[in-house]
Protein backbone atom coordinates (compact mmCIF):
# COMPACT_ATOMS: atom_id res chain seq x y z
CA MET A 1 109.97 119.81 89.95
CA LYS A 2 113.30 118.06 89.35
CA LEU A 3 113.43 114.58 87.84
CA ASN A 4 115.31 113.11 90.81
CA GLN A 5 112.42 114.20 93.06
CA ILE A 6 110.24 111.75 91.12
CA ILE A 7 112.76 108.94 90.67
CA ALA A 8 114.31 108.76 94.15
CA PRO A 9 111.06 108.23 96.10
CA SER A 10 109.55 105.95 93.46
CA ILE A 11 112.44 103.51 93.08
CA GLY A 12 112.27 102.59 96.76
CA ASN A 13 108.97 100.94 95.98
CA ILE A 14 110.72 98.81 93.36
CA LEU A 15 112.72 97.14 96.11
CA GLU A 16 109.74 96.79 98.44
CA TRP A 17 107.46 95.11 95.92
CA PHE A 18 110.20 93.06 94.30
CA ASP A 19 110.73 91.44 97.66
CA PHE A 20 107.04 90.97 98.42
CA GLY A 21 106.46 89.56 94.95
CA LEU A 22 109.28 87.09 95.50
CA PHE A 23 107.75 86.05 98.79
CA ILE A 24 104.47 85.18 97.10
CA TYR A 25 106.03 83.36 94.15
CA LEU A 26 108.50 81.43 96.29
CA ALA A 27 106.03 80.71 99.12
CA PRO A 28 106.02 76.92 98.51
CA ILE A 29 109.83 76.78 98.65
CA LEU A 30 110.05 79.14 101.64
CA GLY A 31 107.41 77.04 103.38
CA ARG A 32 109.54 73.93 102.95
CA LYS A 33 112.75 75.71 103.97
CA PHE A 34 111.51 77.48 107.08
CA PHE A 35 108.13 75.90 107.96
CA PRO A 36 108.49 72.12 107.48
CA ALA A 37 105.16 70.34 107.67
CA GLN A 38 103.49 67.02 106.93
CA ASP A 39 102.24 68.23 103.54
CA GLN A 40 103.18 70.99 101.11
CA THR A 41 99.82 72.79 101.36
CA THR A 42 100.23 73.31 105.10
CA GLY A 43 103.78 74.62 104.65
CA THR A 44 102.65 77.03 101.94
CA LEU A 45 99.77 78.26 104.11
CA SER A 46 102.28 78.85 106.93
CA ALA A 47 104.38 80.99 104.58
CA PHE A 48 101.28 82.92 103.47
CA GLY A 49 100.40 83.34 107.15
CA LEU A 50 103.78 84.96 107.79
CA PHE A 51 103.23 87.08 104.68
CA ALA A 52 100.05 88.35 106.37
CA ALA A 53 101.90 88.85 109.67
CA GLY A 54 104.44 91.08 107.92
CA PHE A 55 101.55 93.22 106.73
CA ILE A 56 100.15 93.40 110.25
CA CYS A 57 103.40 95.08 111.33
CA ARG A 58 103.01 97.71 108.63
CA PRO A 59 100.48 99.93 110.49
CA LEU A 60 102.89 100.13 113.43
CA GLY A 61 105.67 101.00 110.99
CA GLY A 62 103.36 103.59 109.46
CA ILE A 63 102.90 105.17 112.89
CA LEU A 64 106.63 105.18 113.70
CA PHE A 65 107.89 106.40 110.32
CA GLY A 66 104.87 108.66 109.85
CA TYR A 67 105.46 110.43 113.14
CA TYR A 68 109.15 110.78 112.28
CA GLY A 69 108.29 112.13 108.82
CA ASP A 70 105.84 114.70 110.18
CA LYS A 71 108.19 115.75 112.98
CA PHE A 72 111.66 115.61 111.42
CA GLY A 73 111.12 115.53 107.67
CA ARG A 74 109.86 113.36 104.81
CA VAL A 75 113.34 112.68 103.40
CA GLY A 76 114.83 111.40 106.66
CA ALA A 77 111.99 108.92 107.11
CA LEU A 78 112.36 107.64 103.54
CA ARG A 79 116.12 107.16 103.94
CA LEU A 80 115.67 105.25 107.18
CA SER A 81 112.97 102.98 105.76
CA ILE A 82 114.95 102.00 102.66
CA PHE A 83 118.03 101.23 104.78
CA SER A 84 116.04 98.88 107.01
CA ILE A 85 114.35 97.14 104.05
CA THR A 86 117.72 96.64 102.36
CA LEU A 87 119.34 95.14 105.45
CA THR A 88 116.55 92.65 106.22
CA THR A 89 116.24 91.52 102.59
CA PHE A 90 119.98 90.92 102.33
CA LEU A 91 119.96 88.89 105.55
CA VAL A 92 117.16 86.66 104.21
CA SER A 93 119.46 85.69 101.33
CA LEU A 94 122.07 84.45 103.84
CA LEU A 95 119.77 82.81 106.37
CA PRO A 96 120.35 79.10 107.20
CA THR A 97 117.30 76.87 106.70
CA TYR A 98 115.39 74.65 109.14
CA GLU A 99 117.38 71.66 107.94
CA THR A 100 120.59 73.38 109.11
CA ILE A 101 119.74 75.08 112.42
CA GLY A 102 116.28 73.77 113.24
CA VAL A 103 113.61 75.98 114.76
CA TRP A 104 115.98 78.94 114.95
CA ALA A 105 115.68 79.26 111.19
CA THR A 106 111.92 79.73 111.59
CA VAL A 107 112.41 82.25 114.41
CA LEU A 108 115.03 84.32 112.57
CA PHE A 109 113.10 84.28 109.30
CA THR A 110 109.97 85.43 111.13
CA ILE A 111 111.84 88.26 112.88
CA LEU A 112 113.32 89.49 109.60
CA ARG A 113 109.90 89.49 107.91
CA LEU A 114 108.32 91.38 110.80
CA VAL A 115 111.09 93.99 110.90
CA GLN A 116 110.74 94.38 107.17
CA GLY A 117 106.99 94.86 107.61
CA LEU A 118 107.72 97.73 110.01
CA SER A 119 110.10 99.31 107.51
CA VAL A 120 107.72 98.98 104.57
CA GLY A 121 105.12 100.76 106.69
CA GLY A 122 107.00 104.00 106.15
CA GLU A 123 108.08 103.50 102.54
CA TYR A 124 105.21 103.24 100.05
CA ALA A 125 102.77 105.77 101.52
CA GLY A 126 105.70 108.00 102.51
CA SER A 127 106.99 108.14 98.95
CA ALA A 128 103.49 109.09 97.79
CA VAL A 129 103.37 111.91 100.37
CA TYR A 130 106.72 113.19 99.10
CA LEU A 131 105.56 113.09 95.46
CA THR A 132 102.25 114.82 96.21
CA GLU A 133 103.95 117.62 98.09
CA SER A 134 106.62 118.09 95.41
CA ALA A 135 104.33 118.00 92.35
CA PRO A 136 102.91 121.01 90.47
CA GLU A 137 99.29 121.76 91.32
CA LYS A 138 97.81 120.55 88.02
CA TYR A 139 99.72 117.26 87.95
CA LYS A 140 99.57 116.00 91.53
CA GLY A 141 97.69 112.81 90.67
CA PHE A 142 99.92 112.09 87.69
CA ILE A 143 103.14 112.60 89.67
CA THR A 144 101.90 110.73 92.76
CA SER A 145 101.02 107.77 90.53
CA PHE A 146 104.75 107.12 90.06
CA ALA A 147 104.78 105.62 93.57
CA PRO A 148 102.57 102.67 92.51
CA CYS A 149 104.43 102.58 89.18
CA GLY A 150 107.62 101.84 91.10
CA ALA A 151 105.76 99.14 93.02
CA ASN A 152 104.48 97.57 89.79
CA PHE A 153 107.95 97.61 88.30
CA GLY A 154 109.22 95.82 91.41
CA PHE A 155 106.48 93.22 91.06
CA LEU A 156 107.34 92.89 87.37
CA LEU A 157 110.99 92.24 88.25
CA ALA A 158 109.90 89.64 90.81
CA THR A 159 107.72 87.97 88.17
CA LEU A 160 110.60 87.92 85.69
CA ALA A 161 112.95 86.58 88.37
CA ALA A 162 110.54 83.74 89.16
CA PHE A 163 110.11 83.10 85.43
CA LEU A 164 113.89 82.94 84.87
CA LEU A 165 114.36 80.61 87.81
CA LYS A 166 111.67 78.40 86.30
CA ILE A 167 113.07 78.19 82.77
CA LYS A 168 116.85 78.54 83.31
CA LEU A 169 117.49 76.41 86.37
CA SER A 170 116.36 72.99 87.40
CA GLU A 171 113.85 72.60 90.22
CA THR A 172 116.57 70.84 92.23
CA LEU A 173 118.94 73.82 92.03
CA VAL A 174 116.21 76.33 92.83
CA GLU A 175 115.11 74.25 95.81
CA LYS A 176 118.67 73.80 97.05
CA TRP A 177 120.18 77.29 96.80
CA ALA A 178 119.10 79.37 93.78
CA TRP A 179 116.00 80.73 95.60
CA ARG A 180 118.48 82.94 97.50
CA LEU A 181 119.71 84.78 94.39
CA PRO A 182 116.77 87.20 93.93
CA PHE A 183 116.92 88.22 97.61
CA LEU A 184 120.66 88.82 97.30
CA PHE A 185 120.06 90.95 94.19
CA SER A 186 117.37 92.87 96.08
CA GLY A 187 119.76 93.71 98.91
CA LEU A 188 122.39 95.05 96.51
CA LEU A 189 119.75 97.08 94.67
CA GLY A 190 118.71 98.63 97.98
CA LEU A 191 122.22 100.00 98.53
CA LEU A 192 122.07 101.81 95.19
CA ILE A 193 118.63 103.24 96.00
CA LEU A 194 119.82 104.45 99.41
CA GLY A 195 122.76 106.24 97.82
CA TYR A 196 120.48 107.94 95.30
CA ARG A 197 117.98 108.94 97.99
CA LEU A 198 120.70 110.76 99.95
CA LYS A 199 120.73 113.37 97.17
CA ILE A 200 117.10 114.56 97.26
CA ALA A 201 115.89 117.70 99.03
CA GLU A 202 113.08 118.13 101.54
CA THR A 203 109.60 119.08 100.28
CA LYS A 204 108.50 122.71 100.27
CA VAL A 205 105.39 121.75 102.24
CA TYR A 206 107.41 120.35 105.14
CA ASN A 207 109.80 123.32 105.10
CA TYR A 208 106.83 125.70 105.21
CA LEU A 209 105.34 123.83 108.19
CA LYS A 210 108.71 123.80 109.95
CA TYR A 211 109.56 127.47 109.56
CA SER A 212 105.98 128.57 110.26
CA ASN A 213 106.00 126.58 113.52
CA LYS A 214 103.05 124.47 112.29
CA LEU A 215 104.57 121.01 112.65
CA ASN A 216 102.46 118.36 114.35
CA LYS A 217 102.72 118.48 118.14
CA ARG A 218 100.07 115.84 118.85
CA ASN A 219 100.57 112.13 119.52
CA LEU A 220 98.78 109.42 117.55
CA LEU A 221 95.95 109.00 120.07
CA SER A 222 95.19 112.70 119.87
CA ILE A 223 95.19 112.53 116.06
CA LEU A 224 92.88 109.50 116.10
CA ARG A 225 90.42 111.28 118.37
CA LYS A 226 90.39 114.44 116.25
CA GLU A 227 90.39 112.85 112.77
CA PRO A 228 88.17 109.72 113.01
CA LEU A 229 86.26 110.35 109.76
CA ILE A 230 89.39 110.94 107.68
CA ILE A 231 90.98 107.80 109.10
CA LEU A 232 87.86 105.74 108.39
CA VAL A 233 87.60 107.07 104.84
CA ASN A 234 91.28 106.50 104.06
CA VAL A 235 91.16 102.92 105.36
CA GLY A 236 87.96 102.31 103.40
CA LEU A 237 89.63 103.43 100.19
CA THR A 238 92.20 100.63 100.52
CA CYS A 239 89.64 97.80 100.85
CA MET A 240 89.13 97.25 97.15
CA GLY A 241 92.57 98.13 95.82
CA SER A 242 94.63 96.02 98.21
CA THR A 243 92.40 92.96 97.80
CA LEU A 244 92.14 93.32 94.02
CA TYR A 245 95.88 93.67 93.56
CA TYR A 246 96.96 90.82 95.80
CA VAL A 247 94.37 88.42 94.45
CA PHE A 248 95.00 89.12 90.75
CA PHE A 249 98.71 89.95 90.80
CA GLY A 250 99.93 88.03 93.83
CA TYR A 251 97.94 84.89 94.34
CA MET A 252 96.88 84.44 90.70
CA SER A 253 99.84 82.35 89.55
CA THR A 254 99.05 79.86 92.35
CA TYR A 255 95.33 79.97 91.49
CA LEU A 256 95.87 79.34 87.78
CA GLY A 257 98.31 76.54 88.57
CA LYS A 258 95.47 74.71 90.28
CA ASN A 259 93.37 75.15 87.13
CA ASN A 260 95.82 73.46 84.75
CA ILE A 261 97.48 76.67 83.52
CA SER A 262 101.26 76.21 83.53
CA LEU A 263 103.32 78.39 85.87
CA SER A 264 105.32 79.70 82.90
CA ALA A 265 102.13 80.81 81.11
CA ALA A 266 100.72 82.40 84.27
CA LEU A 267 103.95 84.30 84.96
CA GLY A 268 104.18 85.34 81.31
CA PHE A 269 100.65 86.78 81.39
CA GLN A 270 101.35 88.54 84.63
CA ALA A 271 104.62 90.08 83.43
CA LEU A 272 102.91 91.47 80.32
CA LEU A 273 100.02 92.94 82.30
CA LEU A 274 102.31 94.50 84.92
CA PHE A 275 104.25 96.13 82.09
CA ILE A 276 101.02 97.55 80.64
CA MET A 277 99.96 98.69 84.10
CA MET A 278 103.04 100.90 84.38
CA PHE A 279 101.55 103.05 81.62
CA LEU A 280 97.92 102.79 82.67
CA VAL A 281 98.47 103.94 86.28
CA PRO A 282 99.88 107.38 85.33
CA PHE A 283 97.14 107.73 82.70
CA PHE A 284 94.45 107.23 85.33
CA GLY A 285 96.33 109.55 87.68
CA TRP A 286 96.11 112.17 84.94
CA CYS A 287 92.38 111.39 84.58
CA GLY A 288 91.97 112.04 88.29
CA ASP A 289 93.67 115.43 87.91
CA HIS A 290 91.12 116.45 85.27
CA LEU A 291 87.95 114.58 86.26
CA GLY A 292 88.43 114.40 90.02
CA ARG A 293 89.78 111.49 92.04
CA LYS A 294 86.46 111.03 93.81
CA LYS A 295 84.66 110.39 90.51
CA VAL A 296 87.31 108.03 89.12
CA LEU A 297 87.46 105.99 92.33
CA SER A 298 83.66 105.75 92.54
CA ILE A 299 83.41 104.44 88.98
CA THR A 300 86.27 101.99 89.59
CA SER A 301 84.62 100.62 92.74
CA ILE A 302 81.33 100.04 90.93
CA GLY A 303 83.16 98.39 88.03
CA THR A 304 85.02 96.03 90.36
CA ALA A 305 81.82 95.05 92.18
CA VAL A 306 80.06 94.29 88.90
CA LEU A 307 82.92 92.53 87.08
CA SER A 308 84.55 90.38 89.79
CA ILE A 309 82.26 87.36 89.30
CA PRO A 310 82.51 87.40 85.46
CA CYS A 311 86.31 87.64 85.77
CA PHE A 312 86.56 84.57 87.99
CA TYR A 313 84.19 82.71 85.69
CA LEU A 314 86.53 83.46 82.76
CA LEU A 315 89.57 82.41 84.77
CA ASN A 316 88.12 78.93 85.13
CA GLN A 317 87.49 78.37 81.44
CA GLU A 318 89.88 76.10 79.58
CA SER A 319 90.97 78.94 77.35
CA LEU A 320 94.06 81.13 77.54
CA THR A 321 92.10 83.87 75.76
CA ALA A 322 89.43 83.86 78.50
CA VAL A 323 92.11 83.98 81.19
CA PHE A 324 93.87 86.88 79.48
CA CYS A 325 90.56 88.81 79.17
CA ALA A 326 89.86 88.36 82.88
CA LEU A 327 93.34 89.51 83.86
CA GLY A 328 93.09 92.41 81.40
CA ILE A 329 89.90 93.66 83.04
CA ALA A 330 91.54 93.38 86.47
CA THR A 331 94.56 95.31 85.16
CA ILE A 332 92.41 98.24 84.04
CA LEU A 333 90.45 98.35 87.30
CA SER A 334 93.56 98.05 89.46
CA SER A 335 95.37 100.74 87.44
CA ALA A 336 92.48 103.19 87.91
CA GLU A 337 92.50 102.52 91.65
CA GLN A 338 96.27 102.82 92.03
CA GLY A 339 96.41 106.04 90.05
CA ASN A 340 94.05 107.80 92.46
CA THR A 341 93.81 106.24 95.93
CA LEU A 342 97.01 107.61 97.47
CA GLY A 343 96.53 110.99 95.81
CA ALA A 344 93.00 111.18 97.23
CA ALA A 345 94.21 110.14 100.70
CA ASN A 346 96.94 112.81 100.67
CA GLU A 347 94.50 115.50 99.55
CA ASN A 348 92.03 114.37 102.19
CA THR A 349 94.54 114.87 105.03
CA GLU A 350 96.00 117.99 106.61
CA PRO A 351 99.71 118.52 105.81
CA ASN A 352 101.02 118.60 109.39
CA VAL A 353 99.71 115.07 110.09
CA ARG A 354 99.74 113.77 106.52
CA TYR A 355 102.66 111.35 106.74
CA THR A 356 101.31 109.83 109.98
CA ILE A 357 97.68 109.45 108.92
CA VAL A 358 98.29 108.36 105.32
CA SER A 359 100.98 105.84 106.32
CA PHE A 360 98.92 104.46 109.20
CA THR A 361 95.62 104.20 107.31
CA PHE A 362 97.11 102.87 104.07
CA ASN A 363 99.10 100.21 105.89
CA LEU A 364 96.23 99.32 108.20
CA GLY A 365 93.97 98.77 105.19
CA ASN A 366 96.60 96.72 103.41
CA ALA A 367 97.23 94.66 106.54
CA LEU A 368 93.53 93.92 107.03
CA PHE A 369 92.62 93.33 103.39
CA GLY A 370 95.75 92.99 101.23
CA GLY A 371 98.19 90.98 103.30
CA THR A 372 95.51 88.51 104.29
CA ALA A 373 94.10 88.14 100.76
CA PRO A 374 96.22 85.16 99.55
CA PHE A 375 95.57 83.30 102.81
CA ILE A 376 91.82 84.05 102.83
CA VAL A 377 91.40 83.20 99.15
CA SER A 378 93.27 79.91 99.61
CA LEU A 379 90.98 78.94 102.47
CA MET A 380 87.80 80.06 100.67
CA ILE A 381 88.58 77.97 97.59
CA ARG A 382 89.52 75.03 99.76
CA LYS A 383 86.25 75.23 101.71
CA TRP A 384 83.77 76.43 99.05
CA ASN A 385 84.39 76.84 95.30
CA TYR A 386 86.39 78.71 92.67
CA LEU A 387 83.95 81.67 92.57
CA SER A 388 84.12 82.41 96.30
CA PRO A 389 87.00 84.95 95.98
CA ALA A 390 84.84 86.99 93.59
CA TYR A 391 82.20 87.54 96.29
CA TYR A 392 84.96 88.66 98.66
CA LEU A 393 86.24 91.16 96.07
CA THR A 394 82.74 92.46 95.44
CA SER A 395 82.17 93.16 99.13
CA MET A 396 85.51 95.02 99.37
CA ALA A 397 84.62 97.12 96.32
CA ILE A 398 81.32 98.14 97.90
CA LEU A 399 83.13 99.28 101.06
CA SER A 400 85.54 101.41 98.98
CA TRP A 401 82.63 102.89 97.03
CA LEU A 402 81.01 103.96 100.31
CA ALA A 403 84.33 105.49 101.41
CA THR A 404 84.44 107.78 98.35
CA PHE A 405 81.45 109.70 99.74
CA GLY A 406 83.70 110.91 102.55
CA LEU A 407 86.34 112.42 100.24
CA LYS A 408 86.71 116.16 100.08
CA ASN A 409 85.71 117.71 96.76
CA LYS A 410 88.23 120.50 97.15
CA ILE A 411 91.84 119.41 96.70
CA ASN A 412 93.96 119.90 99.82
CA SER A 413 97.23 120.48 98.00
CA LYS A 414 99.40 122.13 100.62
């Protein structure tokens, strides 16, 4: 396996998650710029609501790009998705605000986020499919784990960008125009990634299906009718991971800010843990290669169910050490999940419908559980108490644990 076959698919996820990380961190500003309201909380909730809406478009994008990838090739779908993500992100950096063009700013911003959601639907899971099909038999989990590594690096860059905006520029400048800079950088980065992705070859698995006349000839409804258990299992696997990640590494800076932890400290913690995660995810992918993804995911689900409440208890102590311990536990659990979920989903799915099913199920799960997590957690805390998100995480972990019973023991590698 050539190095560019690992790098080219993985770096697309850098762009995707850099942008989504920015959206979370800059939600209060984006709320004021495009969703003016009577109070800041309502504007921020509107921005988080659009964040969730972008995720809701991802299953549809998974269907469209997945069908294209199964029919015409994995590489073509990945090139098309990164082009669309790049264009929409760049346009966000140039978009006039509500103060300038009124409600049209809200409409255009919403359209760009929804189109981006469609594009992302074919990117993350698609890159994992490409990596799984290109990897040597003994290292499929390890190689596939570079897809979430790229995502974590993108989130790390978004965290650092938010941190730099916080410490280098005044709040007035950031509010006025500097919030656009990271989105502009993201658009330029996308052009470089697109150029690099033009150089990679198609996977051997797709070429085998193509020249053996075994490509998928069914539509999505036919696939859904024939593969209901696989679809249910794959969606179930995403319950815990998507919720865990977006609560602890998306919403957490907002959560800690409400508990008297400075934004700089919260972002600093998060940047360090995301850096550590980039090494832990491949390690757990390697563990899945040797111990079995089913076993690793089962243990991770049980650990998340048991430790969610203690973690949220620690987060609410007036101690940076307690906060760091809670986030450290979440980092280990999330790394174990990321290193194995997509690999397990790929192995659980037949090659001729793999791109379609994995993209659709992964994005459906993330839309239902991940994209809505910041919004749901915000409402739960507002209505109940600081521990309420822990009960939500526990229930999601139990659902993912049940899903592991539907995984195939024998690796479906081709």
